[in-house]
Amino acid sequence: MFGLDLVQLGSKARSGIGQWAGEFIATFGLIGTILGCVRFKPEAVATAVALYITSAYWFTASTSFANPAVTIARSLSDTFAGIAPSDAPGFIVAELLGAIASAWLFGWLFAPEKPR
């Protein structure tokens, strides 16, 4: 479509605590958005996720990968949104930690009340 090879290795260096913190927060918020919608308004999940990812694009330096699969895919693209494969593991760790922390916190906050 853009005259580029189908698969390339990314060359954009993306590394450092700020980048990883942004990914942690983006993933944390994404999981929180999903769990909140599933608990309180399941029909809004698709819209809420789309709106959240759009906003995360703007508040993260990396344009919000927020997903290990996206991180891997972007390491195979030498475009503006690409990432050097050697930097991908830091993002994946930050995303997994953000997902775990969010699932724990929002799983606890949004747990259904137990009958008395």
PDB file of N, CA and C in Angstrom:
ATOM      1  N   MET A   1       0.814  -1.190   0.000  1.00  0.00           N
ATOM      2  CA  MET A   1       0.000   0.000   0.000  1.00  0.00           C
ATOM      3  C   MET A   1       0.868   1.270   0.000  1.00  0.00           C
ATOM      4  N   PHE A   2       1.937   1.261   0.769  1.00  0.00           N
ATOM      5  CA  PHE A   2       2.798   2.433   0.850  1.00  0.00           C
ATOM      6  C   PHE A   2       4.127   2.220   0.136  1.00  0.00           C
ATOM      7  N   GLY A   3       4.244   1.142  -0.605  1.00  0.00           N
ATOM      8  CA  GLY A   3       5.467   0.861  -1.326  1.00  0.00           C
ATOM      9  C   GLY A   3       6.594   0.368  -0.425  1.00  0.00           C
ATOM     10  N   LEU A   4       6.248  -0.177   0.720  1.00  0.00           N
ATOM     11  CA  LEU A   4       7.246  -0.695   1.659  1.00  0.00           C
ATOM     12  C   LEU A   4       7.245  -2.213   1.616  1.00  0.00           C
ATOM     13  N   ASP A   5       8.356  -2.812   2.035  1.00  0.00           N
ATOM     14  CA  ASP A   5       8.401  -4.262   2.156  1.00  0.00           C
ATOM     15  C   ASP A   5       7.355  -4.710   3.166  1.00  0.00           C
ATOM     16  N   LEU A   6       6.819  -5.919   2.971  1.00  0.00           N
ATOM     17  CA  LEU A   6       5.782  -6.437   3.858  1.00  0.00           C
ATOM     18  C   LEU A   6       6.289  -6.549   5.296  1.00  0.00           C
ATOM     19  N   VAL A   7       7.478  -7.068   5.478  1.00  0.00           N
ATOM     20  CA  VAL A   7       8.059  -7.207   6.811  1.00  0.00           C
ATOM     21  C   VAL A   7       9.418  -6.524   6.821  1.00  0.00           C
ATOM     22  N   GLN A   8       9.633  -5.706   7.818  1.00  0.00           N
ATOM     23  CA  GLN A   8      10.905  -5.008   8.017  1.00  0.00           C
ATOM     24  C   GLN A   8      11.219  -5.071   9.506  1.00  0.00           C
ATOM     25  N   LEU A   9      12.423  -4.817   9.875  1.00  0.00           N
ATOM     26  CA  LEU A   9      12.746  -4.696  11.288  1.00  0.00           C
ATOM     27  C   LEU A   9      12.730  -3.220  11.646  1.00  0.00           C
ATOM     28  N   GLY A  10      12.056  -2.907  12.752  1.00  0.00           N
ATOM     29  CA  GLY A  10      11.981  -1.525  13.190  1.00  0.00           C
ATOM     30  C   GLY A  10      13.356  -0.998  13.571  1.00  0.00           C
ATOM     31  N   SER A  11      13.546   0.298  13.403  1.00  0.00           N
ATOM     32  CA  SER A  11      14.831   0.897  13.767  1.00  0.00           C
ATOM     33  C   SER A  11      14.652   2.055  14.746  1.00  0.00           C
ATOM     34  N   LYS A  12      13.423   2.391  15.073  1.00  0.00           N
ATOM     35  CA  LYS A  12      13.142   3.508  15.979  1.00  0.00           C
ATOM     36  C   LYS A  12      13.483   3.098  17.409  1.00  0.00           C
ATOM     37  N   ALA A  13      14.480   3.766  17.976  1.00  0.00           N
ATOM     38  CA  ALA A  13      14.884   3.468  19.356  1.00  0.00           C
ATOM     39  C   ALA A  13      13.834   4.020  20.307  1.00  0.00           C
ATOM     40  N   ARG A  14      13.304   3.143  21.130  1.00  0.00           N
ATOM     41  CA  ARG A  14      12.318   3.527  22.140  1.00  0.00           C
ATOM     42  C   ARG A  14      12.714   2.783  23.405  1.00  0.00           C
ATOM     43  N   SER A  15      13.225   3.518  24.350  1.00  0.00           N
ATOM     44  CA  SER A  15      13.705   2.868  25.558  1.00  0.00           C
ATOM     45  C   SER A  15      13.702   3.878  26.696  1.00  0.00           C
ATOM     46  N   GLY A  16      13.724   3.396  27.904  1.00  0.00           N
ATOM     47  CA  GLY A  16      13.845   4.260  29.062  1.00  0.00           C
ATOM     48  C   GLY A  16      12.644   4.201  29.981  1.00  0.00           C
ATOM     49  N   ILE A  17      12.853   4.634  31.191  1.00  0.00           N
ATOM     50  CA  ILE A  17      11.827   4.541  32.229  1.00  0.00           C
ATOM     51  C   ILE A  17      10.565   5.312  31.853  1.00  0.00           C
ATOM     52  N   GLY A  18      10.707   6.458  31.219  1.00  0.00           N
ATOM     53  CA  GLY A  18       9.534   7.233  30.818  1.00  0.00           C
ATOM     54  C   GLY A  18       8.674   6.505  29.807  1.00  0.00           C
ATOM     55  N   GLN A  19       9.311   5.898  28.827  1.00  0.00           N
ATOM     56  CA  GLN A  19       8.572   5.131  27.806  1.00  0.00           C
ATOM     57  C   GLN A  19       7.875   3.926  28.447  1.00  0.00           C
ATOM     58  N   TRP A  20       8.604   3.232  29.307  1.00  0.00           N
ATOM     59  CA  TRP A  20       8.032   2.037  29.946  1.00  0.00           C
ATOM     60  C   TRP A  20       6.917   2.413  30.910  1.00  0.00           C
ATOM     61  N   ALA A  21       7.071   3.513  31.634  1.00  0.00           N
ATOM     62  CA  ALA A  21       6.020   3.972  32.547  1.00  0.00           C
ATOM     63  C   ALA A  21       4.758   4.318  31.758  1.00  0.00           C
ATOM     64  N   GLY A  22       4.935   4.965  30.608  1.00  0.00           N
ATOM     65  CA  GLY A  22       3.787   5.285  29.763  1.00  0.00           C
ATOM     66  C   GLY A  22       3.058   4.037  29.313  1.00  0.00           C
ATOM     67  N   GLU A  23       3.808   3.010  28.955  1.00  0.00           N
ATOM     68  CA  GLU A  23       3.183   1.746  28.533  1.00  0.00           C
ATOM     69  C   GLU A  23       2.484   1.057  29.695  1.00  0.00           C
ATOM     70  N   PHE A  24       3.110   1.100  30.880  1.00  0.00           N
ATOM     71  CA  PHE A  24       2.471   0.534  32.072  1.00  0.00           C
ATOM     72  C   PHE A  24       1.128   1.219  32.301  1.00  0.00           C
ATOM     73  N   ILE A  25       1.123   2.547  32.292  1.00  0.00           N
ATOM     74  CA  ILE A  25      -0.097   3.312  32.554  1.00  0.00           C
ATOM     75  C   ILE A  25      -1.137   3.076  31.457  1.00  0.00           C
ATOM     76  N   ALA A  26      -0.706   3.056  30.199  1.00  0.00           N
ATOM     77  CA  ALA A  26      -1.642   2.829  29.098  1.00  0.00           C
ATOM     78  C   ALA A  26      -2.300   1.458  29.213  1.00  0.00           C
ATOM     79  N   THR A  27      -1.522   0.445  29.530  1.00  0.00           N
ATOM     80  CA  THR A  27      -2.073  -0.905  29.655  1.00  0.00           C
ATOM     81  C   THR A  27      -2.950  -1.013  30.892  1.00  0.00           C
ATOM     82  N   PHE A  28      -2.500  -0.412  32.004  1.00  0.00           N
ATOM     83  CA  PHE A  28      -3.276  -0.396  33.239  1.00  0.00           C
ATOM     84  C   PHE A  28      -4.656   0.206  32.967  1.00  0.00           C
ATOM     85  N   GLY A  29      -4.695   1.335  32.300  1.00  0.00           N
ATOM     86  CA  GLY A  29      -5.957   2.000  32.001  1.00  0.00           C
ATOM     87  C   GLY A  29      -6.824   1.226  31.025  1.00  0.00           C
ATOM     88  N   LEU A  30      -6.196   0.588  30.048  1.00  0.00           N
ATOM     89  CA  LEU A  30      -6.958  -0.196  29.076  1.00  0.00           C
ATOM     90  C   LEU A  30      -7.662  -1.362  29.759  1.00  0.00           C
ATOM     91  N   ILE A  31      -6.944  -2.086  30.586  1.00  0.00           N
ATOM     92  CA  ILE A  31      -7.557  -3.215  31.303  1.00  0.00           C
ATOM     93  C   ILE A  31      -8.637  -2.714  32.255  1.00  0.00           C
ATOM     94  N   GLY A  32      -8.376  -1.600  32.936  1.00  0.00           N
ATOM     95  CA  GLY A  32      -9.383  -1.013  33.824  1.00  0.00           C
ATOM     96  C   GLY A  32     -10.635  -0.606  33.067  1.00  0.00           C
ATOM     97  N   THR A  33     -10.465  -0.039  31.882  1.00  0.00           N
ATOM     98  CA  THR A  33     -11.598   0.348  31.049  1.00  0.00           C
ATOM     99  C   THR A  33     -12.424  -0.875  30.662  1.00  0.00           C
ATOM    100  N   ILE A  34     -11.744  -1.922  30.242  1.00  0.00           N
ATOM    101  CA  ILE A  34     -12.442  -3.156  29.840  1.00  0.00           C
ATOM    102  C   ILE A  34     -13.191  -3.757  31.023  1.00  0.00           C
ATOM    103  N   LEU A  35     -12.504  -3.904  32.161  1.00  0.00           N
ATOM    104  CA  LEU A  35     -13.150  -4.525  33.325  1.00  0.00           C
ATOM    105  C   LEU A  35     -14.307  -3.686  33.854  1.00  0.00           C
ATOM    106  N   GLY A  36     -14.147  -2.367  33.835  1.00  0.00           N
ATOM    107  CA  GLY A  36     -15.238  -1.503  34.283  1.00  0.00           C
ATOM    108  C   GLY A  36     -16.458  -1.616  33.385  1.00  0.00           C
ATOM    109  N   CYS A  37     -16.239  -1.648  32.093  1.00  0.00           N
ATOM    110  CA  CYS A  37     -17.361  -1.794  31.166  1.00  0.00           C
ATOM    111  C   CYS A  37     -18.019  -3.163  31.293  1.00  0.00           C
ATOM    112  N   VAL A  38     -17.204  -4.203  31.392  1.00  0.00           N
ATOM    113  CA  VAL A  38     -17.758  -5.553  31.525  1.00  0.00           C
ATOM    114  C   VAL A  38     -18.636  -5.646  32.776  1.00  0.00           C
ATOM    115  N   ARG A  39     -18.199  -5.005  33.841  1.00  0.00           N
ATOM    116  CA  ARG A  39     -18.942  -5.072  35.111  1.00  0.00           C
ATOM    117  C   ARG A  39     -20.205  -4.217  35.098  1.00  0.00           C
ATOM    118  N   PHE A  40     -20.118  -2.996  34.533  1.00  0.00           N
ATOM    119  CA  PHE A  40     -21.216  -2.051  34.673  1.00  0.00           C
ATOM    120  C   PHE A  40     -22.008  -1.768  33.402  1.00  0.00           C
ATOM    121  N   LYS A  41     -21.398  -1.915  32.231  1.00  0.00           N
ATOM    122  CA  LYS A  41     -22.110  -1.633  30.984  1.00  0.00           C
ATOM    123  C   LYS A  41     -21.447  -2.388  29.834  1.00  0.00           C
ATOM    124  N   PRO A  42     -21.671  -3.699  29.767  1.00  0.00           N
ATOM    125  CA  PRO A  42     -20.986  -4.542  28.779  1.00  0.00           C
ATOM    126  C   PRO A  42     -21.151  -4.093  27.330  1.00  0.00           C
ATOM    127  N   GLU A  43     -22.280  -3.511  26.988  1.00  0.00           N
ATOM    128  CA  GLU A  43     -22.496  -3.096  25.601  1.00  0.00           C
ATOM    129  C   GLU A  43     -21.613  -1.921  25.193  1.00  0.00           C
ATOM    130  N   ALA A  44     -20.943  -1.300  26.147  1.00  0.00           N
ATOM    131  CA  ALA A  44     -20.089  -0.145  25.853  1.00  0.00           C
ATOM    132  C   ALA A  44     -18.616  -0.507  25.684  1.00  0.00           C
ATOM    133  N   VAL A  45     -18.259  -1.786  25.797  1.00  0.00           N
ATOM    134  CA  VAL A  45     -16.846  -2.176  25.765  1.00  0.00           C
ATOM    135  C   VAL A  45     -16.156  -1.705  24.484  1.00  0.00           C
ATOM    136  N   ALA A  46     -16.729  -1.996  23.344  1.00  0.00           N
ATOM    137  CA  ALA A  46     -16.060  -1.656  22.073  1.00  0.00           C
ATOM    138  C   ALA A  46     -15.839  -0.148  21.938  1.00  0.00           C
ATOM    139  N   THR A  47     -16.850   0.625  22.238  1.00  0.00           N
ATOM    140  CA  THR A  47     -16.722   2.080  22.136  1.00  0.00           C
ATOM    141  C   THR A  47     -15.712   2.609  23.147  1.00  0.00           C
ATOM    142  N   ALA A  48     -15.785   2.117  24.376  1.00  0.00           N
ATOM    143  CA  ALA A  48     -14.875   2.592  25.422  1.00  0.00           C
ATOM    144  C   ALA A  48     -13.423   2.246  25.094  1.00  0.00           C
ATOM    145  N   VAL A  49     -13.181   1.042  24.583  1.00  0.00           N
ATOM    146  CA  VAL A  49     -11.817   0.648  24.223  1.00  0.00           C
ATOM    147  C   VAL A  49     -11.299   1.531  23.079  1.00  0.00           C
ATOM    148  N   ALA A  50     -12.125   1.763  22.081  1.00  0.00           N
ATOM    149  CA  ALA A  50     -11.703   2.616  20.962  1.00  0.00           C
ATOM    150  C   ALA A  50     -11.379   4.029  21.444  1.00  0.00           C
ATOM    151  N   LEU A  51     -12.208   4.577  22.304  1.00  0.00           N
ATOM    152  CA  LEU A  51     -11.956   5.922  22.824  1.00  0.00           C
ATOM    153  C   LEU A  51     -10.714   5.954  23.713  1.00  0.00           C
ATOM    154  N   TYR A  52     -10.525   4.911  24.516  1.00  0.00           N
ATOM    155  CA  TYR A  52      -9.356   4.873  25.389  1.00  0.00           C
ATOM    156  C   TYR A  52      -8.067   4.788  24.564  1.00  0.00           C
ATOM    157  N   ILE A  53      -8.029   3.909  23.586  1.00  0.00           N
ATOM    158  CA  ILE A  53      -6.825   3.763  22.754  1.00  0.00           C
ATOM    159  C   ILE A  53      -6.545   5.060  21.998  1.00  0.00           C
ATOM    160  N   THR A  54      -7.592   5.729  21.535  1.00  0.00           N
ATOM    161  CA  THR A  54      -7.400   7.016  20.858  1.00  0.00           C
ATOM    162  C   THR A  54      -6.762   8.027  21.809  1.00  0.00           C
ATOM    163  N   SER A  55      -7.245   8.082  23.036  1.00  0.00           N
ATOM    164  CA  SER A  55      -6.657   9.034  23.993  1.00  0.00           C
ATOM    165  C   SER A  55      -5.243   8.619  24.386  1.00  0.00           C
ATOM    166  N   ALA A  56      -5.016   7.326  24.550  1.00  0.00           N
ATOM    167  CA  ALA A  56      -3.680   6.844  24.933  1.00  0.00           C
ATOM    168  C   ALA A  56      -2.661   7.120  23.836  1.00  0.00           C
ATOM    169  N   TYR A  57      -3.104   7.145  22.607  1.00  0.00           N
ATOM    170  CA  TYR A  57      -2.214   7.511  21.499  1.00  0.00           C
ATOM    171  C   TYR A  57      -1.585   8.871  21.767  1.00  0.00           C
ATOM    172  N   TRP A  58      -2.366   9.773  22.330  1.00  0.00           N
ATOM    173  CA  TRP A  58      -1.902  11.138  22.556  1.00  0.00           C
ATOM    174  C   TRP A  58      -1.153  11.303  23.873  1.00  0.00           C
ATOM    175  N   PHE A  59      -1.442  10.493  24.905  1.00  0.00           N
ATOM    176  CA  PHE A  59      -0.772  10.720  26.185  1.00  0.00           C
ATOM    177  C   PHE A  59       0.455   9.847  26.417  1.00  0.00           C
ATOM    178  N   THR A  60       0.824   9.006  25.463  1.00  0.00           N
ATOM    179  CA  THR A  60       2.049   8.224  25.604  1.00  0.00           C
ATOM    180  C   THR A  60       3.053   8.628  24.529  1.00  0.00           C
ATOM    181  N   ALA A  61       4.316   8.586  24.890  1.00  0.00           N
ATOM    182  CA  ALA A  61       5.372   8.942  23.938  1.00  0.00           C
ATOM    183  C   ALA A  61       5.494   7.917  22.813  1.00  0.00           C
ATOM    184  N   SER A  62       5.053   6.706  23.065  1.00  0.00           N
ATOM    185  CA  SER A  62       5.199   5.635  22.081  1.00  0.00           C
ATOM    186  C   SER A  62       4.006   5.522  21.137  1.00  0.00           C
ATOM    187  N   THR A  63       3.005   6.337  21.290  1.00  0.00           N
ATOM    188  CA  THR A  63       1.718   6.232  20.608  1.00  0.00           C
ATOM    189  C   THR A  63       0.953   4.995  21.060  1.00  0.00           C
ATOM    190  N   SER A  64       1.152   4.608  22.285  1.00  0.00           N
ATOM    191  CA  SER A  64       0.400   3.564  22.979  1.00  0.00           C
ATOM    192  C   SER A  64       0.364   2.214  22.290  1.00  0.00           C
ATOM    193  N   PHE A  65       1.344   1.407  22.581  1.00  0.00           N
ATOM    194  CA  PHE A  65       1.297   0.019  22.124  1.00  0.00           C
ATOM    195  C   PHE A  65       0.258  -0.713  22.976  1.00  0.00           C
ATOM    196  N   ALA A  66       0.404  -0.659  24.308  1.00  0.00           N
ATOM    197  CA  ALA A  66      -0.552  -1.187  25.293  1.00  0.00           C
ATOM    198  C   ALA A  66      -0.943  -2.647  25.088  1.00  0.00           C
ATOM    199  N   ASN A  67      -0.153  -3.396  24.344  1.00  0.00           N
ATOM    200  CA  ASN A  67      -0.500  -4.776  24.034  1.00  0.00           C
ATOM    201  C   ASN A  67       0.764  -5.458  23.510  1.00  0.00           C
ATOM    202  N   PRO A  68       1.190  -6.547  24.140  1.00  0.00           N
ATOM    203  CA  PRO A  68       2.410  -7.216  23.660  1.00  0.00           C
ATOM    204  C   PRO A  68       2.346  -7.632  22.192  1.00  0.00           C
ATOM    205  N   ALA A  69       1.185  -8.025  21.702  1.00  0.00           N
ATOM    206  CA  ALA A  69       1.069  -8.415  20.296  1.00  0.00           C
ATOM    207  C   ALA A  69       1.324  -7.211  19.382  1.00  0.00           C
ATOM    208  N   VAL A  70       0.832  -6.049  19.777  1.00  0.00           N
ATOM    209  CA  VAL A  70       1.058  -4.839  18.991  1.00  0.00           C
ATOM    210  C   VAL A  70       2.538  -4.468  19.041  1.00  0.00           C
ATOM    211  N   THR A  71       3.158  -4.624  20.196  1.00  0.00           N
ATOM    212  CA  THR A  71       4.585  -4.322  20.333  1.00  0.00           C
ATOM    213  C   THR A  71       5.402  -5.184  19.376  1.00  0.00           C
ATOM    214  N   ILE A  72       5.109  -6.466  19.333  1.00  0.00           N
ATOM    215  CA  ILE A  72       5.835  -7.374  18.431  1.00  0.00           C
ATOM    216  C   ILE A  72       5.581  -6.977  16.975  1.00  0.00           C
ATOM    217  N   ALA A  73       4.328  -6.689  16.646  1.00  0.00           N
ATOM    218  CA  ALA A  73       4.004  -6.293  15.269  1.00  0.00           C
ATOM    219  C   ALA A  73       4.730  -5.006  14.887  1.00  0.00           C
ATOM    220  N   ARG A  74       4.804  -4.063  15.801  1.00  0.00           N
ATOM    221  CA  ARG A  74       5.472  -2.800  15.492  1.00  0.00           C
ATOM    222  C   ARG A  74       6.985  -2.957  15.397  1.00  0.00           C
ATOM    223  N   SER A  75       7.530  -4.012  15.985  1.00  0.00           N
ATOM    224  CA  SER A  75       8.968  -4.255  15.826  1.00  0.00           C
ATOM    225  C   SER A  75       9.269  -4.787  14.426  1.00  0.00           C
ATOM    226  N   LEU A  76       8.225  -5.170  13.703  1.00  0.00           N
ATOM    227  CA  LEU A  76       8.376  -5.657  12.331  1.00  0.00           C
ATOM    228  C   LEU A  76       7.960  -4.600  11.322  1.00  0.00           C
ATOM    229  N   SER A  77       7.982  -3.346  11.745  1.00  0.00           N
ATOM    230  CA  SER A  77       7.605  -2.229  10.883  1.00  0.00           C
ATOM    231  C   SER A  77       8.580  -1.084  11.097  1.00  0.00           C
ATOM    232  N   ASP A  78       9.253  -0.679  10.049  1.00  0.00           N
ATOM    233  CA  ASP A  78      10.203   0.425  10.163  1.00  0.00           C
ATOM    234  C   ASP A  78       9.526   1.725   9.724  1.00  0.00           C
ATOM    235  N   THR A  79       8.430   2.045  10.394  1.00  0.00           N
ATOM    236  CA  THR A  79       7.683   3.265  10.114  1.00  0.00           C
ATOM    237  C   THR A  79       7.697   4.152  11.351  1.00  0.00           C
ATOM    238  N   PHE A  80       6.967   5.249  11.305  1.00  0.00           N
ATOM    239  CA  PHE A  80       6.899   6.175  12.431  1.00  0.00           C
ATOM    240  C   PHE A  80       6.523   5.486  13.735  1.00  0.00           C
ATOM    241  N   ALA A  81       5.593   4.547  13.666  1.00  0.00           N
ATOM    242  CA  ALA A  81       5.110   3.863  14.869  1.00  0.00           C
ATOM    243  C   ALA A  81       5.927   2.619  15.213  1.00  0.00           C
ATOM    244  N   GLY A  82       6.980   2.330  14.469  1.00  0.00           N
ATOM    245  CA  GLY A  82       7.780   1.135  14.711  1.00  0.00           C
ATOM    246  C   GLY A  82       8.617   1.237  15.976  1.00  0.00           C
ATOM    247  N   ILE A  83       9.224   0.123  16.321  1.00  0.00           N
ATOM    248  CA  ILE A  83      10.092   0.037  17.491  1.00  0.00           C
ATOM    249  C   ILE A  83      11.226  -0.922  17.163  1.00  0.00           C
ATOM    250  N   ALA A  84      12.410  -0.593  17.600  1.00  0.00           N
ATOM    251  CA  ALA A  84      13.541  -1.495  17.388  1.00  0.00           C
ATOM    252  C   ALA A  84      13.289  -2.790  18.161  1.00  0.00           C
ATOM    253  N   PRO A  85      13.491  -3.950  17.541  1.00  0.00           N
ATOM    254  CA  PRO A  85      13.242  -5.214  18.234  1.00  0.00           C
ATOM    255  C   PRO A  85      13.980  -5.336  19.573  1.00  0.00           C
ATOM    256  N   SER A  86      15.151  -4.730  19.676  1.00  0.00           N
ATOM    257  CA  SER A  86      15.897  -4.818  20.939  1.00  0.00           C
ATOM    258  C   SER A  86      15.227  -4.031  22.063  1.00  0.00           C
ATOM    259  N   ASP A  87      14.336  -3.095  21.731  1.00  0.00           N
ATOM    260  CA  ASP A  87      13.618  -2.324  22.745  1.00  0.00           C
ATOM    261  C   ASP A  87      12.275  -2.949  23.124  1.00  0.00           C
ATOM    262  N   ALA A  88      11.796  -3.892  22.341  1.00  0.00           N
ATOM    263  CA  ALA A  88      10.482  -4.489  22.573  1.00  0.00           C
ATOM    264  C   ALA A  88      10.355  -5.195  23.929  1.00  0.00           C
ATOM    265  N   PRO A  89      11.355  -5.933  24.410  1.00  0.00           N
ATOM    266  CA  PRO A  89      11.172  -6.627  25.693  1.00  0.00           C
ATOM    267  C   PRO A  89      10.826  -5.698  26.864  1.00  0.00           C
ATOM    268  N   GLY A  90      11.410  -4.509  26.921  1.00  0.00           N
ATOM    269  CA  GLY A  90      11.087  -3.572  27.992  1.00  0.00           C
ATOM    270  C   GLY A  90       9.629  -3.154  27.946  1.00  0.00           C
ATOM    271  N   PHE A  91       9.111  -2.944  26.742  1.00  0.00           N
ATOM    272  CA  PHE A  91       7.704  -2.585  26.581  1.00  0.00           C
ATOM    273  C   PHE A  91       6.802  -3.745  26.987  1.00  0.00           C
ATOM    274  N   ILE A  92       7.171  -4.942  26.572  1.00  0.00           N
ATOM    275  CA  ILE A  92       6.344  -6.108  26.885  1.00  0.00           C
ATOM    276  C   ILE A  92       6.284  -6.333  28.389  1.00  0.00           C
ATOM    277  N   VAL A  93       7.410  -6.195  29.072  1.00  0.00           N
ATOM    278  CA  VAL A  93       7.421  -6.350  30.538  1.00  0.00           C
ATOM    279  C   VAL A  93       6.535  -5.279  31.177  1.00  0.00           C
ATOM    280  N   ALA A  94       6.663  -4.022  30.743  1.00  0.00           N
ATOM    281  CA  ALA A  94       5.843  -2.941  31.304  1.00  0.00           C
ATOM    282  C   ALA A  94       4.357  -3.194  31.059  1.00  0.00           C
ATOM    283  N   GLU A  95       4.014  -3.683  29.869  1.00  0.00           N
ATOM    284  CA  GLU A  95       2.616  -3.973  29.553  1.00  0.00           C
ATOM    285  C   GLU A  95       2.076  -5.117  30.405  1.00  0.00           C
ATOM    286  N   LEU A  96       2.865  -6.153  30.565  1.00  0.00           N
ATOM    287  CA  LEU A  96       2.411  -7.279  31.394  1.00  0.00           C
ATOM    288  C   LEU A  96       2.242  -6.856  32.849  1.00  0.00           C
ATOM    289  N   LEU A  97       3.180  -6.063  33.361  1.00  0.00           N
ATOM    290  CA  LEU A  97       3.054  -5.579  34.745  1.00  0.00           C
ATOM    291  C   LEU A  97       1.833  -4.668  34.892  1.00  0.00           C
ATOM    292  N   GLY A  98       1.593  -3.804  33.916  1.00  0.00           N
ATOM    293  CA  GLY A  98       0.407  -2.940  33.945  1.00  0.00           C
ATOM    294  C   GLY A  98      -0.880  -3.744  33.913  1.00  0.00           C
ATOM    295  N   ALA A  99      -0.910  -4.791  33.096  1.00  0.00           N
ATOM    296  CA  ALA A  99      -2.100  -5.636  32.998  1.00  0.00           C
ATOM    297  C   ALA A  99      -2.349  -6.390  34.305  1.00  0.00           C
ATOM    298  N   ILE A 100      -1.290  -6.920  34.897  1.00  0.00           N
ATOM    299  CA  ILE A 100      -1.430  -7.659  36.154  1.00  0.00           C
ATOM    300  C   ILE A 100      -1.906  -6.726  37.267  1.00  0.00           C
ATOM    301  N   ALA A 101      -1.284  -5.558  37.387  1.00  0.00           N
ATOM    302  CA  ALA A 101      -1.671  -4.608  38.429  1.00  0.00           C
ATOM    303  C   ALA A 101      -3.121  -4.158  38.251  1.00  0.00           C
ATOM    304  N   SER A 102      -3.513  -3.888  37.010  1.00  0.00           N
ATOM    305  CA  SER A 102      -4.871  -3.439  36.734  1.00  0.00           C
ATOM    306  C   SER A 102      -5.883  -4.543  37.014  1.00  0.00           C
ATOM    307  N   ALA A 103      -5.586  -5.753  36.566  1.00  0.00           N
ATOM    308  CA  ALA A 103      -6.507  -6.873  36.804  1.00  0.00           C
ATOM    309  C   ALA A 103      -6.690  -7.108  38.297  1.00  0.00           C
ATOM    310  N   TRP A 104      -5.610  -6.986  39.045  1.00  0.00           N
ATOM    311  CA  TRP A 104      -5.714  -7.173  40.491  1.00  0.00           C
ATOM    312  C   TRP A 104      -6.567  -6.071  41.112  1.00  0.00           C
ATOM    313  N   LEU A 105      -6.221  -4.800  40.828  1.00  0.00           N
ATOM    314  CA  LEU A 105      -6.929  -3.684  41.454  1.00  0.00           C
ATOM    315  C   LEU A 105      -8.395  -3.631  41.032  1.00  0.00           C
ATOM    316  N   PHE A 106      -8.655  -3.654  39.742  1.00  0.00           N
ATOM    317  CA  PHE A 106     -10.036  -3.516  39.292  1.00  0.00           C
ATOM    318  C   PHE A 106     -10.836  -4.797  39.514  1.00  0.00           C
ATOM    319  N   GLY A 107     -10.165  -5.941  39.516  1.00  0.00           N
ATOM    320  CA  GLY A 107     -10.848  -7.171  39.893  1.00  0.00           C
ATOM    321  C   GLY A 107     -11.343  -7.102  41.326  1.00  0.00           C
ATOM    322  N   TRP A 108     -10.556  -6.481  42.181  1.00  0.00           N
ATOM    323  CA  TRP A 108     -10.937  -6.309  43.583  1.00  0.00           C
ATOM    324  C   TRP A 108     -12.020  -5.224  43.721  1.00  0.00           C
ATOM    325  N   LEU A 109     -11.822  -4.088  43.051  1.00  0.00           N
ATOM    326  CA  LEU A 109     -12.789  -2.991  43.156  1.00  0.00           C
ATOM    327  C   LEU A 109     -14.145  -3.337  42.556  1.00  0.00           C
ATOM    328  N   PHE A 110     -14.138  -4.046  41.450  1.00  0.00           N
ATOM    329  CA  PHE A 110     -15.378  -4.326  40.736  1.00  0.00           C
ATOM    330  C   PHE A 110     -15.960  -5.704  41.041  1.00  0.00           C
ATOM    331  N   ALA A 111     -15.435  -6.367  42.057  1.00  0.00           N
ATOM    332  CA  ALA A 111     -15.941  -7.699  42.406  1.00  0.00           C
ATOM    333  C   ALA A 111     -17.408  -7.590  42.798  1.00  0.00           C
ATOM    334  N   PRO A 112     -18.224  -8.512  42.309  1.00  0.00           N
ATOM    335  CA  PRO A 112     -19.641  -8.485  42.697  1.00  0.00           C
ATOM    336  C   PRO A 112     -19.763  -8.665  44.217  1.00  0.00           C
ATOM    337  N   GLU A 113     -20.760  -8.019  44.767  1.00  0.00           N
ATOM    338  CA  GLU A 113     -20.988  -8.164  46.211  1.00  0.00           C
ATOM    339  C   GLU A 113     -21.423  -9.580  46.515  1.00  0.00           C
ATOM    340  N   LYS A 114     -20.938 -10.062  47.648  1.00  0.00           N
ATOM    341  CA  LYS A 114     -21.321 -11.418  48.081  1.00  0.00           C
ATOM    342  C   LYS A 114     -22.643 -11.336  48.842  1.00  0.00           C
ATOM    343  N   PRO A 115     -23.523 -12.311  48.612  1.00  0.00           N
ATOM    344  CA  PRO A 115     -24.802 -12.292  49.356  1.00  0.00           C
ATOM    345  C   PRO A 115     -24.544 -12.494  50.843  1.00  0.00           C
ATOM    346  N   ARG A 116     -25.367 -11.866  51.636  1.00  0.00           N
ATOM    347  CA  ARG A 116     -25.201 -11.974  53.107  1.00  0.00           C
ATOM    348  C   ARG A 116     -26.004 -13.104  53.661  1.00  0.00           C
TER     349      ARG A 116
END
